[in-house]
N, C-alpha and C. Protein backbone atom coordinates (compact mmCIF):
# COMPACT_ATOMS: atom_id res chain seq x y z
N UNK A 1 -8.40 2.66 0.67
CA UNK A 1 -8.47 3.93 1.01
C UNK A 1 -7.64 4.65 2.18
N UNK A 2 -7.43 6.00 2.07
CA UNK A 2 -6.48 6.50 2.85
C UNK A 2 -6.26 6.76 4.08
N UNK A 3 -6.67 5.53 4.83
CA UNK A 3 -6.84 5.90 6.40
C UNK A 3 -5.68 6.32 7.08
N UNK A 4 -4.40 6.00 6.66
CA UNK A 4 -3.27 5.89 7.55
C UNK A 4 -2.96 7.64 7.25
N UNK A 5 -2.97 8.05 5.83
CA UNK A 5 -3.02 9.84 5.57
C UNK A 5 -4.15 10.52 6.41
N UNK A 6 -5.52 10.16 6.25
CA UNK A 6 -6.43 10.79 7.15
C UNK A 6 -6.00 11.00 8.62
N UNK A 7 -5.67 9.85 9.19
CA UNK A 7 -5.37 9.66 10.30
C UNK A 7 -4.13 10.68 10.72
N UNK A 8 -3.03 10.64 9.89
CA UNK A 8 -1.90 11.44 10.27
C UNK A 8 -2.45 13.21 9.93
N UNK A 9 -3.38 13.46 9.15
CA UNK A 9 -3.87 14.90 9.00
C UNK A 9 -4.38 15.05 10.35
N UNK A 10 -5.26 14.13 10.78
CA UNK A 10 -6.33 14.55 11.97
C UNK A 10 -5.15 14.82 13.07
N UNK A 11 -4.28 14.29 13.32
CA UNK A 11 -3.23 14.10 14.39
C UNK A 11 -2.75 15.66 14.30
N UNK A 12 -2.48 16.04 13.26
CA UNK A 12 -1.67 17.28 12.75
C UNK A 12 -2.72 18.26 12.91
N UNK A 13 -3.99 18.03 12.73
CA UNK A 13 -4.85 18.96 12.79
C UNK A 13 -4.99 19.15 14.58
N UNK A 14 -5.17 18.36 15.14
CA UNK A 14 -5.21 18.36 16.85
C UNK A 14 -3.96 19.18 17.43
N UNK A 15 -2.91 19.00 16.98
CA UNK A 15 -1.60 19.82 17.35
C UNK A 15 -1.63 21.37 16.75
N UNK A 16 -1.89 21.74 15.80
CA UNK A 16 -2.18 22.72 15.60
C UNK A 16 -3.39 24.08 15.41
N UNK A 17 -3.74 24.61 16.41
CA UNK A 17 -5.10 25.54 16.68
C UNK A 17 -5.35 25.99 15.25
N UNK A 18 -4.55 26.62 14.65
CA UNK A 18 -4.94 27.46 13.31
C UNK A 18 -5.49 26.34 11.91
N UNK A 19 -4.89 25.41 12.03
CA UNK A 19 -5.36 24.51 11.36
C UNK A 19 -6.53 23.74 11.37
N UNK A 20 -6.57 23.58 12.95
CA UNK A 20 -8.14 23.00 13.42
C UNK A 20 -9.14 24.05 13.12
N UNK A 21 -8.94 25.42 13.30
CA UNK A 21 -9.96 26.30 13.08
C UNK A 21 -10.18 26.25 11.58
N UNK A 22 -9.41 26.57 10.74
CA UNK A 22 -9.57 26.06 9.44
C UNK A 22 -10.48 24.80 8.90
N UNK A 23 -9.93 23.88 9.46
CA UNK A 23 -11.07 22.68 9.05
C UNK A 23 -12.61 22.62 9.58
N UNK A 24 -12.54 23.46 10.79
CA UNK A 24 -13.76 23.37 11.64
C UNK A 24 -14.70 24.42 10.87
N UNK A 25 -14.24 25.50 10.07
CA UNK A 25 -14.92 26.29 9.23
C UNK A 25 -15.09 25.85 7.85
N UNK A 26 -14.48 24.77 7.35
CA UNK A 26 -14.75 24.39 5.83
C UNK A 26 -15.97 24.03 6.05
N UNK A 27 -16.97 24.28 4.63
CA UNK A 27 -18.25 24.08 4.42
C UNK A 27 -18.47 22.39 4.07
N UNK A 28 -17.37 21.99 3.21
CA UNK A 28 -17.73 20.53 2.54
C UNK A 28 -16.50 19.71 3.01
N UNK A 29 -16.68 18.32 2.91
CA UNK A 29 -15.79 17.44 3.05
C UNK A 29 -14.40 17.67 2.34
N UNK A 30 -14.86 18.09 0.78
CA UNK A 30 -13.93 18.06 -0.28
C UNK A 30 -13.13 19.59 0.02
N UNK A 31 -13.55 20.34 0.56
CA UNK A 31 -12.76 21.72 1.26
C UNK A 31 -11.79 21.13 2.37
N UNK A 32 -12.31 20.13 3.18
CA UNK A 32 -11.24 19.83 4.02
C UNK A 32 -10.25 18.95 3.41
N UNK A 33 -10.50 18.28 2.44
CA UNK A 33 -9.53 17.35 1.70
C UNK A 33 -8.63 18.06 0.98
N UNK A 34 -8.88 19.28 0.48
CA UNK A 34 -8.07 20.38 -0.04
C UNK A 34 -7.08 20.97 1.14
N UNK A 35 -7.66 21.43 1.82
CA UNK A 35 -6.75 21.40 3.04
C UNK A 35 -5.89 20.81 3.63
N UNK A 36 -6.19 19.67 3.40
CA UNK A 36 -5.17 18.39 3.81
C UNK A 36 -4.11 18.26 2.85
N UNK A 37 -4.35 18.31 1.77
CA UNK A 37 -3.63 18.67 0.50
C UNK A 37 -2.36 19.46 0.71
N UNK A 38 -2.78 20.52 0.94
CA UNK A 38 -1.83 21.70 0.90
C UNK A 38 -0.72 21.06 1.90
N UNK A 39 -1.05 20.24 2.91
CA UNK A 39 -0.09 19.84 3.81
C UNK A 39 0.49 18.60 3.28
N UNK A 40 0.23 17.99 2.26
CA UNK A 40 0.73 16.62 1.81
C UNK A 40 -0.24 15.56 2.20
N UNK A 41 -1.19 15.78 2.75
CA UNK A 41 -2.00 14.48 3.09
C UNK A 41 -3.06 14.23 1.88
N UNK A 42 -2.95 13.11 1.11
CA UNK A 42 -4.30 13.10 0.23
C UNK A 42 -4.98 12.14 0.50
N UNK A 43 -6.21 12.64 0.49
CA UNK A 43 -7.53 11.64 0.61
C UNK A 43 -8.61 12.55 -0.26
N UNK A 44 -9.74 11.75 -0.10
CA UNK A 44 -10.92 12.63 -0.92
C UNK A 44 -11.82 12.83 0.00
N UNK A 45 -12.60 14.02 -0.42
CA UNK A 45 -13.86 13.93 0.49
C UNK A 45 -14.88 12.87 0.60
N UNK A 46 -14.99 12.19 -0.30
CA UNK A 46 -15.90 11.03 -0.16
C UNK A 46 -15.44 10.09 1.00
N UNK A 47 -14.03 9.67 0.87
CA UNK A 47 -13.43 9.10 2.02
C UNK A 47 -13.53 9.37 3.36
N UNK A 48 -13.67 10.73 3.58
CA UNK A 48 -14.00 11.36 4.61
C UNK A 48 -15.02 11.40 5.16
N UNK A 49 -16.21 11.46 3.88
CA UNK A 49 -17.76 10.90 4.40
C UNK A 49 -17.94 9.87 4.99
N UNK A 50 -17.17 8.96 4.23
CA UNK A 50 -17.51 7.32 4.73
C UNK A 50 -16.89 7.17 6.09
N UNK A 51 -15.91 7.65 6.70
CA UNK A 51 -15.76 7.70 8.06
C UNK A 51 -16.62 8.59 9.09
N UNK A 52 -17.78 9.17 8.82
CA UNK A 52 -18.50 10.05 9.52
C UNK A 52 -19.15 9.30 10.74
N UNK A 53 -18.70 9.64 11.82
CA UNK A 53 -19.51 8.84 13.06
C UNK A 53 -18.70 8.07 13.60
N UNK A 54 -17.35 7.77 13.00
CA UNK A 54 -16.54 6.92 13.23
C UNK A 54 -15.13 7.76 14.20
N UNK A 55 -14.70 7.07 14.90
CA UNK A 55 -13.46 7.91 15.51
C UNK A 55 -11.84 7.20 15.05
N UNK A 56 -10.97 8.12 14.61
CA UNK A 56 -9.91 7.95 14.05
C UNK A 56 -8.89 8.96 14.53
N UNK A 57 -7.63 8.33 14.90
CA UNK A 57 -6.68 9.31 15.47
C UNK A 57 -7.13 10.06 16.60
N UNK A 58 -7.84 9.58 17.55
CA UNK A 58 -8.32 10.27 18.87
C UNK A 58 -9.50 11.63 18.40
N UNK A 59 -10.06 11.43 17.24
CA UNK A 59 -10.88 12.58 16.50
C UNK A 59 -12.23 11.81 16.26
N UNK A 60 -13.34 11.98 16.49
CA UNK A 60 -14.41 11.62 16.15
C UNK A 60 -15.09 12.40 14.75
N UNK A 61 -15.02 11.97 13.91
CA UNK A 61 -15.46 12.41 12.52
C UNK A 61 -17.11 12.81 12.23
N UNK A 62 -17.33 13.93 12.03
CA UNK A 62 -18.77 14.36 12.12
C UNK A 62 -19.08 15.05 11.00
N UNK A 63 -19.99 14.78 10.36
CA UNK A 63 -20.33 15.49 9.12
C UNK A 63 -21.54 16.41 9.38
N UNK A 64 -21.37 17.61 9.15
CA UNK A 64 -21.95 18.73 9.59
C UNK A 64 -23.37 19.03 8.42
N UNK A 65 -24.45 19.12 8.93
CA UNK A 65 -25.48 19.11 7.95
C UNK A 65 -25.78 20.57 7.70
N UNK A 66 -25.91 20.88 6.59
CA UNK A 66 -25.97 22.50 6.36
C UNK A 66 -27.64 22.65 5.80
N UNK A 67 -27.84 23.65 6.02
CA UNK A 67 -29.41 24.06 5.77
C UNK A 67 -29.31 24.26 4.06
N UNK A 68 -30.70 23.69 3.54
CA UNK A 68 -30.79 23.08 2.29
C UNK A 68 -29.97 22.26 1.57
N UNK A 69 -29.23 21.43 2.28
CA UNK A 69 -28.55 20.41 1.93
C UNK A 69 -29.38 19.18 1.50
N UNK A 70 -29.25 18.64 0.49
CA UNK A 70 -30.00 17.41 0.06
C UNK A 70 -29.45 16.04 0.66
N UNK A 71 -30.06 15.15 1.00
CA UNK A 71 -29.63 13.97 1.61
C UNK A 71 -30.05 12.75 0.58
């Protein structure tokens, strides 16, 4: 798993308000992974989802449940 890349991206996100806002408005974990890839941080949406509920790099990763989403 790309924990080191995910942690580095989360640290970058915390230091850049515009990036943080972009991540917070993303609809899916795959979308967040694509945003991260633009900055050279490679991990998958599935890897991000597996971290839901855990704290990494000072950030608690939380999966947002969207209306109409199947579980």
